[in-house]
Amino acid sequence: YRDAFKDYTNLRGVTLENNNTTFDIREGAFDNCIATTFSVPASLMKSLPATTKKLTITSGEIEYLGSTRAMALEVLIIKDGVTSVASGAFRECPSLRSVAIVASIDRIDDYTFYKCPSLESLDIGGTSTEIGKSAFADCTSLSELLIGTNIATVCQDAFKGCTSLTKLQLGSRVTAIEKNAFENCTSLEELSIG
C-alpha cells in the first residue's frame, strides 16, 4: 500500500523474497524512511525511496528506474531470477559505484548504464552473450571490468569514453567487437581475448 512504511526512522534494510507472492506495495511506500538497503523483486523498484544506496534485484523484468529514484544508488546486484533489463534502465545514476550482474539475461541492453560517472567496478557474469550499444558509454570512472566468458558481441560504443579503463579481458567466445566499442578509452593499457 502507499505510505505503508513512510517515515519509519528505525527501519535500516528491507528484504522481500518473491516466492511466487504478489506484493501490493505502491510508489511512496518507503518515503522518508531511513532504510538504504533493499533486496526486492523488480516489480517493487518504483516503490523504493530516493535514498536507496544498495539494491539487490532478485527477480522479474527491470524497467527504467528513473533518475530521481536512483540519485543515491551506489551498489547494484542483479540476481539470477531477473529475466530482462530494459534499455537505459540505470542511465545517468550519478552515485552508482559498483554493479554485479549474475542474472541469466541474454543481453545487456542499449544505454543500460550510460553516463554513470561514478561507476568504478563492473562484473558481468551469468549467461549474457551481448553488451548493447552505449551500454556503459561515458562511465568515466570505470577502471575494473570483469566480463563473463559467454559474451560474444560487444556492440557499437559499448564502452566509449570510459577514460579510466586500464585493463580488459574478454572471453574466448567473442566473435564481434563493433565500431567504436572502446573509443576514447584513453587509459587502456592491456587487452586480452581468450
C-alpha atoms as a PDB file:
ATOM      1  CA  TYR A   1       0.000   0.000   0.000  1.00  0.00           C
ATOM      2  CA  ARG A   2       1.023   3.606  -0.490  1.00  0.00           C
ATOM      3  CA  ASP A   3       2.752   5.127   2.566  1.00  0.00           C
ATOM      4  CA  ALA A   4       2.925   1.662   4.215  1.00  0.00           C
ATOM      5  CA  PHE A   5       6.350   2.337   5.768  1.00  0.00           C
ATOM      6  CA  LYS A   6       6.525   6.078   5.300  1.00  0.00           C
ATOM      7  CA  ASP A   7       8.503   7.922   7.996  1.00  0.00           C
ATOM      8  CA  TYR A   8       9.799   4.716   9.640  1.00  0.00           C
ATOM      9  CA  THR A   9      13.010   6.078  11.125  1.00  0.00           C
ATOM     10  CA  ASN A  10      14.311   2.815  12.637  1.00  0.00           C
ATOM     11  CA  LEU A  11      13.969   0.653   9.530  1.00  0.00           C
ATOM     12  CA  ARG A  12      17.507   0.079   8.167  1.00  0.00           C
ATOM     13  CA  GLY A  13      17.003  -2.530   5.444  1.00  0.00           C
ATOM     14  CA  VAL A  14      14.243  -4.397   3.643  1.00  0.00           C
ATOM     15  CA  THR A  15      14.325  -7.882   2.134  1.00  0.00           C
ATOM     16  CA  LEU A  16      11.268  -9.155   0.293  1.00  0.00           C
ATOM     17  CA  GLU A  17      11.585 -12.592  -1.253  1.00  0.00           C
ATOM     18  CA  ASN A  18       9.255 -13.191  -4.152  1.00  0.00           C
ATOM     19  CA  ASN A  19       8.394 -16.878  -3.651  1.00  0.00           C
ATOM     20  CA  ASN A  20       5.537 -16.504  -6.155  1.00  0.00           C
ATOM     21  CA  THR A  21       3.846 -13.967  -3.893  1.00  0.00           C
ATOM     22  CA  THR A  22       2.460 -10.757  -5.336  1.00  0.00           C
ATOM     23  CA  PHE A  23       3.304  -7.762  -3.194  1.00  0.00           C
ATOM     24  CA  ASP A  24       0.970  -4.780  -3.379  1.00  0.00           C
ATOM     25  CA  ILE A  25       3.417  -2.131  -2.220  1.00  0.00           C
ATOM     26  CA  ARG A  26       2.952   1.097  -4.096  1.00  0.00           C
ATOM     27  CA  GLU A  27       5.126   4.050  -5.003  1.00  0.00           C
ATOM     28  CA  GLY A  28       5.815   6.139  -1.925  1.00  0.00           C
ATOM     29  CA  ALA A  29       5.584   3.181   0.489  1.00  0.00           C
ATOM     30  CA  PHE A  30       9.071   3.850   1.863  1.00  0.00           C
ATOM     31  CA  ASP A  31       9.198   7.653   1.540  1.00  0.00           C
ATOM     32  CA  ASN A  32      11.125   9.408   4.315  1.00  0.00           C
ATOM     33  CA  CYS A  33      12.277   6.013   5.558  1.00  0.00           C
ATOM     34  CA  ILE A  34      15.877   5.851   6.735  1.00  0.00           C
ATOM     35  CA  ALA A  35      16.449   2.390   5.172  1.00  0.00           C
ATOM     36  CA  THR A  36      19.127   2.442   2.475  1.00  0.00           C
ATOM     37  CA  THR A  37      19.498  -1.290   1.682  1.00  0.00           C
ATOM     38  CA  PHE A  38      16.841  -3.186  -0.229  1.00  0.00           C
ATOM     39  CA  SER A  39      16.588  -6.687  -1.691  1.00  0.00           C
ATOM     40  CA  VAL A  40      13.394  -6.868  -3.720  1.00  0.00           C
ATOM     41  CA  PRO A  41      11.844  -8.206  -6.928  1.00  0.00           C
ATOM     42  CA  ALA A  42      11.927  -5.814  -9.900  1.00  0.00           C
ATOM     43  CA  SER A  43       8.204  -5.122  -9.575  1.00  0.00           C
ATOM     44  CA  LEU A  44       8.858  -3.147  -6.362  1.00  0.00           C
ATOM     45  CA  MET A  45      11.671  -0.935  -7.615  1.00  0.00           C
ATOM     46  CA  LYS A  46       9.451   2.101  -8.135  1.00  0.00           C
ATOM     47  CA  SER A  47       8.281   1.976  -4.505  1.00  0.00           C
ATOM     48  CA  LEU A  48      11.811   2.430  -3.161  1.00  0.00           C
ATOM     49  CA  PRO A  49      12.898   5.748  -1.665  1.00  0.00           C
ATOM     50  CA  ALA A  50      15.358   8.020  -3.449  1.00  0.00           C
ATOM     51  CA  THR A  51      17.775   7.396  -0.550  1.00  0.00           C
ATOM     52  CA  THR A  52      18.364   3.752  -1.560  1.00  0.00           C
ATOM     53  CA  LYS A  53      22.135   3.107  -1.604  1.00  0.00           C
ATOM     54  CA  LYS A  54      22.343  -0.661  -2.070  1.00  0.00           C
ATOM     55  CA  LEU A  55      19.854  -2.505  -4.240  1.00  0.00           C
ATOM     56  CA  THR A  56      19.669  -6.221  -4.921  1.00  0.00           C
ATOM     57  CA  ILE A  57      17.068  -7.136  -7.522  1.00  0.00           C
ATOM     58  CA  THR A  58      16.046 -10.747  -7.028  1.00  0.00           C
ATOM     59  CA  SER A  59      13.602 -11.478  -9.840  1.00  0.00           C
ATOM     60  CA  GLY A  60      11.434 -10.133 -12.649  1.00  0.00           C
ATOM     61  CA  GLU A  61      11.870  -7.684 -15.501  1.00  0.00           C
ATOM     62  CA  ILE A  62      13.728  -4.468 -14.707  1.00  0.00           C
ATOM     63  CA  GLU A  63      12.238  -1.325 -16.216  1.00  0.00           C
ATOM     64  CA  TYR A  64      13.651   2.201 -16.296  1.00  0.00           C
ATOM     65  CA  LEU A  65      14.126   3.264 -12.675  1.00  0.00           C
ATOM     66  CA  GLY A  66      14.078   6.985 -13.312  1.00  0.00           C
ATOM     67  CA  SER A  67      16.881   9.335 -12.397  1.00  0.00           C
ATOM     68  CA  THR A  68      15.168  10.765  -9.296  1.00  0.00           C
ATOM     69  CA  ARG A  69      14.707   7.277  -7.781  1.00  0.00           C
ATOM     70  CA  ALA A  70      18.371   6.405  -8.354  1.00  0.00           C
ATOM     71  CA  MET A  71      20.180   9.537  -7.166  1.00  0.00           C
ATOM     72  CA  ALA A  72      21.797   7.865  -4.120  1.00  0.00           C
ATOM     73  CA  LEU A  73      22.187   4.340  -5.544  1.00  0.00           C
ATOM     74  CA  GLU A  74      25.811   3.173  -5.066  1.00  0.00           C
ATOM     75  CA  VAL A  75      25.753  -0.631  -5.294  1.00  0.00           C
ATOM     76  CA  LEU A  76      23.588  -2.709  -7.629  1.00  0.00           C
ATOM     77  CA  ILE A  77      23.349  -6.506  -7.734  1.00  0.00           C
ATOM     78  CA  ILE A  78      21.175  -8.139 -10.382  1.00  0.00           C
ATOM     79  CA  LYS A  79      20.447 -11.720  -9.285  1.00  0.00           C
ATOM     80  CA  ASP A  80      19.751 -14.845 -11.315  1.00  0.00           C
ATOM     81  CA  GLY A  81      15.944 -14.533 -11.077  1.00  0.00           C
ATOM     82  CA  VAL A  82      15.966 -11.383 -13.232  1.00  0.00           C
ATOM     83  CA  THR A  83      14.892 -12.147 -16.808  1.00  0.00           C
ATOM     84  CA  SER A  84      15.496  -8.801 -18.564  1.00  0.00           C
ATOM     85  CA  VAL A  85      16.810  -5.284 -18.061  1.00  0.00           C
ATOM     86  CA  ALA A  86      15.238  -2.508 -20.125  1.00  0.00           C
ATOM     87  CA  SER A  87      17.230  -0.174 -22.332  1.00  0.00           C
ATOM     88  CA  GLY A  88      18.500   2.754 -20.276  1.00  0.00           C
ATOM     89  CA  ALA A  89      17.278   1.214 -17.006  1.00  0.00           C
ATOM     90  CA  PHE A  90      20.057   2.758 -14.888  1.00  0.00           C
ATOM     91  CA  ARG A  91      21.338   5.507 -17.175  1.00  0.00           C
ATOM     92  CA  GLU A  92      22.753   8.626 -15.575  1.00  0.00           C
ATOM     93  CA  CYS A  93      22.849   7.294 -11.988  1.00  0.00           C
ATOM     94  CA  PRO A  94      25.362   9.773 -10.557  1.00  0.00           C
ATOM     95  CA  SER A  95      26.377   7.815  -7.423  1.00  0.00           C
ATOM     96  CA  LEU A  96      26.439   4.253  -8.786  1.00  0.00           C
ATOM     97  CA  ARG A  97      29.902   2.803  -7.990  1.00  0.00           C
ATOM     98  CA  SER A  98      29.586  -0.961  -8.361  1.00  0.00           C
ATOM     99  CA  VAL A  99      27.485  -3.324 -10.484  1.00  0.00           C
ATOM    100  CA  ALA A 100      27.380  -7.128 -10.398  1.00  0.00           C
ATOM    101  CA  ILE A 101      25.225  -8.935 -12.942  1.00  0.00           C
ATOM    102  CA  VAL A 102      24.748 -12.622 -12.175  1.00  0.00           C
ATOM    103  CA  ALA A 103      21.380 -12.890 -13.907  1.00  0.00           C
ATOM    104  CA  SER A 104      20.621 -15.187 -16.803  1.00  0.00           C
ATOM    105  CA  ILE A 105      19.747 -12.398 -19.213  1.00  0.00           C
ATOM    106  CA  ASP A 106      20.687 -12.744 -22.869  1.00  0.00           C
ATOM    107  CA  ARG A 107      21.728  -9.164 -23.433  1.00  0.00           C
ATOM    108  CA  ILE A 108      22.801  -6.083 -21.542  1.00  0.00           C
ATOM    109  CA  ASP A 109      20.602  -3.706 -23.462  1.00  0.00           C
ATOM    110  CA  ASP A 110      21.484  -0.407 -25.135  1.00  0.00           C
ATOM    111  CA  TYR A 111      22.262   2.522 -22.803  1.00  0.00           C
ATOM    112  CA  THR A 112      21.630   0.403 -19.661  1.00  0.00           C
ATOM    113  CA  PHE A 113      24.347   2.164 -17.614  1.00  0.00           C
ATOM    114  CA  TYR A 114      25.047   5.093 -19.943  1.00  0.00           C
ATOM    115  CA  LYS A 115      26.734   8.083 -18.269  1.00  0.00           C
ATOM    116  CA  CYS A 116      27.155   6.685 -14.761  1.00  0.00           C
ATOM    117  CA  PRO A 117      30.202   8.827 -13.916  1.00  0.00           C
ATOM    118  CA  SER A 118      30.973   7.173 -10.537  1.00  0.00           C
ATOM    119  CA  LEU A 119      30.829   3.567 -11.766  1.00  0.00           C
ATOM    120  CA  GLU A 120      34.211   2.039 -10.867  1.00  0.00           C
ATOM    121  CA  SER A 121      33.734  -1.723 -10.971  1.00  0.00           C
ATOM    122  CA  LEU A 122      31.640  -3.956 -13.168  1.00  0.00           C
ATOM    123  CA  ASP A 123      31.254  -7.725 -13.023  1.00  0.00           C
ATOM    124  CA  ILE A 124      29.251  -9.256 -15.876  1.00  0.00           C
ATOM    125  CA  GLY A 125      28.673 -12.910 -15.087  1.00  0.00           C
ATOM    126  CA  GLY A 126      25.641 -15.022 -15.780  1.00  0.00           C
ATOM    127  CA  THR A 127      24.816 -16.064 -19.319  1.00  0.00           C
ATOM    128  CA  SER A 128      24.782 -12.702 -21.104  1.00  0.00           C
ATOM    129  CA  THR A 129      26.089 -13.010 -24.656  1.00  0.00           C
ATOM    130  CA  GLU A 130      25.924  -9.391 -25.822  1.00  0.00           C
ATOM    131  CA  ILE A 131      26.747  -5.941 -24.487  1.00  0.00           C
ATOM    132  CA  GLY A 132      24.465  -3.449 -26.234  1.00  0.00           C
ATOM    133  CA  LYS A 133      25.121  -0.114 -27.901  1.00  0.00           C
ATOM    134  CA  SER A 134      26.488   2.510 -25.477  1.00  0.00           C
ATOM    135  CA  ALA A 135      25.616   0.195 -22.558  1.00  0.00           C
ATOM    136  CA  PHE A 136      28.483   1.622 -20.474  1.00  0.00           C
ATOM    137  CA  ALA A 137      29.489   4.637 -22.566  1.00  0.00           C
ATOM    138  CA  ASP A 138      30.840   7.635 -20.679  1.00  0.00           C
ATOM    139  CA  CYS A 139      31.284   5.745 -17.396  1.00  0.00           C
ATOM    140  CA  THR A 140      34.403   7.809 -16.843  1.00  0.00           C
ATOM    141  CA  SER A 141      35.444   6.183 -13.523  1.00  0.00           C
ATOM    142  CA  LEU A 142      35.163   2.582 -14.746  1.00  0.00           C
ATOM    143  CA  SER A 143      38.546   1.006 -14.133  1.00  0.00           C
ATOM    144  CA  GLU A 144      37.781  -2.598 -13.164  1.00  0.00           C
ATOM    145  CA  LEU A 145      35.915  -4.731 -15.659  1.00  0.00           C
ATOM    146  CA  LEU A 146      35.200  -8.457 -15.392  1.00  0.00           C
ATOM    147  CA  ILE A 147      33.376  -9.803 -18.430  1.00  0.00           C
ATOM    148  CA  GLY A 148      31.938 -13.309 -18.368  1.00  0.00           C
ATOM    149  CA  THR A 149      33.092 -15.970 -20.770  1.00  0.00           C
ATOM    150  CA  ASN A 150      29.745 -16.076 -22.588  1.00  0.00           C
ATOM    151  CA  ILE A 151      29.989 -12.584 -24.137  1.00  0.00           C
ATOM    152  CA  ALA A 152      30.159 -12.977 -27.923  1.00  0.00           C
ATOM    153  CA  THR A 153      29.359  -9.441 -29.107  1.00  0.00           C
ATOM    154  CA  VAL A 154      30.441  -6.038 -27.838  1.00  0.00           C
ATOM    155  CA  CYS A 155      28.221  -3.566 -29.698  1.00  0.00           C
ATOM    156  CA  GLN A 156      28.982  -0.127 -31.075  1.00  0.00           C
ATOM    157  CA  ASP A 157      30.105   2.465 -28.498  1.00  0.00           C
ATOM    158  CA  ALA A 158      29.600  -0.071 -25.654  1.00  0.00           C
ATOM    159  CA  PHE A 159      32.472   1.345 -23.572  1.00  0.00           C
ATOM    160  CA  LYS A 160      33.113   4.561 -25.471  1.00  0.00           C
ATOM    161  CA  GLY A 161      34.560   7.285 -23.267  1.00  0.00           C
ATOM    162  CA  CYS A 162      35.490   5.022 -20.335  1.00  0.00           C
ATOM    163  CA  THR A 163      38.599   7.073 -19.767  1.00  0.00           C
ATOM    164  CA  SER A 164      39.739   5.276 -16.576  1.00  0.00           C
ATOM    165  CA  LEU A 165      39.640   1.735 -18.013  1.00  0.00           C
ATOM    166  CA  THR A 166      43.188   0.320 -17.886  1.00  0.00           C
ATOM    167  CA  LYS A 167      42.819  -3.447 -18.360  1.00  0.00           C
ATOM    168  CA  LEU A 168      40.273  -5.502 -20.256  1.00  0.00           C
ATOM    169  CA  GLN A 169      39.954  -9.250 -20.618  1.00  0.00           C
ATOM    170  CA  LEU A 170      37.347 -10.742 -22.921  1.00  0.00           C
ATOM    171  CA  GLY A 171      36.458 -14.431 -23.065  1.00  0.00           C
ATOM    172  CA  SER A 172      37.258 -16.766 -25.949  1.00  0.00           C
ATOM    173  CA  ARG A 173      33.674 -16.651 -27.275  1.00  0.00           C
ATOM    174  CA  VAL A 174      33.988 -13.058 -28.500  1.00  0.00           C
ATOM    175  CA  THR A 175      33.288 -13.047 -32.225  1.00  0.00           C
ATOM    176  CA  ALA A 176      32.435  -9.369 -32.802  1.00  0.00           C
ATOM    177  CA  ILE A 177      33.662  -6.064 -31.449  1.00  0.00           C
ATOM    178  CA  GLU A 178      31.690  -3.380 -33.240  1.00  0.00           C
ATOM    179  CA  LYS A 179      32.661   0.122 -34.349  1.00  0.00           C
ATOM    180  CA  ASN A 180      33.980   2.460 -31.645  1.00  0.00           C
ATOM    181  CA  ALA A 181      33.286  -0.090 -28.874  1.00  0.00           C
ATOM    182  CA  PHE A 182      36.298   1.226 -26.950  1.00  0.00           C
ATOM    183  CA  GLU A 183      36.728   4.675 -28.496  1.00  0.00           C
ATOM    184  CA  ASN A 184      38.334   7.250 -26.194  1.00  0.00           C
ATOM    185  CA  CYS A 185      39.328   4.644 -23.603  1.00  0.00           C
ATOM    186  CA  THR A 186      42.486   6.666 -23.297  1.00  0.00           C
ATOM    187  CA  SER A 187      43.928   4.803 -20.271  1.00  0.00           C
ATOM    188  CA  LEU A 188      43.581   1.294 -21.756  1.00  0.00           C
ATOM    189  CA  GLU A 189      46.983  -0.404 -21.480  1.00  0.00           C
ATOM    190  CA  GLU A 190      46.141  -4.089 -21.762  1.00  0.00           C
ATOM    191  CA  LEU A 191      43.588  -6.004 -23.827  1.00  0.00           C
ATOM    192  CA  SER A 192      43.376  -9.776 -23.950  1.00  0.00           C
ATOM    193  CA  ILE A 193      40.907 -12.083 -25.682  1.00  0.00           C
ATOM    194  CA  GLY A 194      40.685 -15.771 -24.837  1.00  0.00           C
END
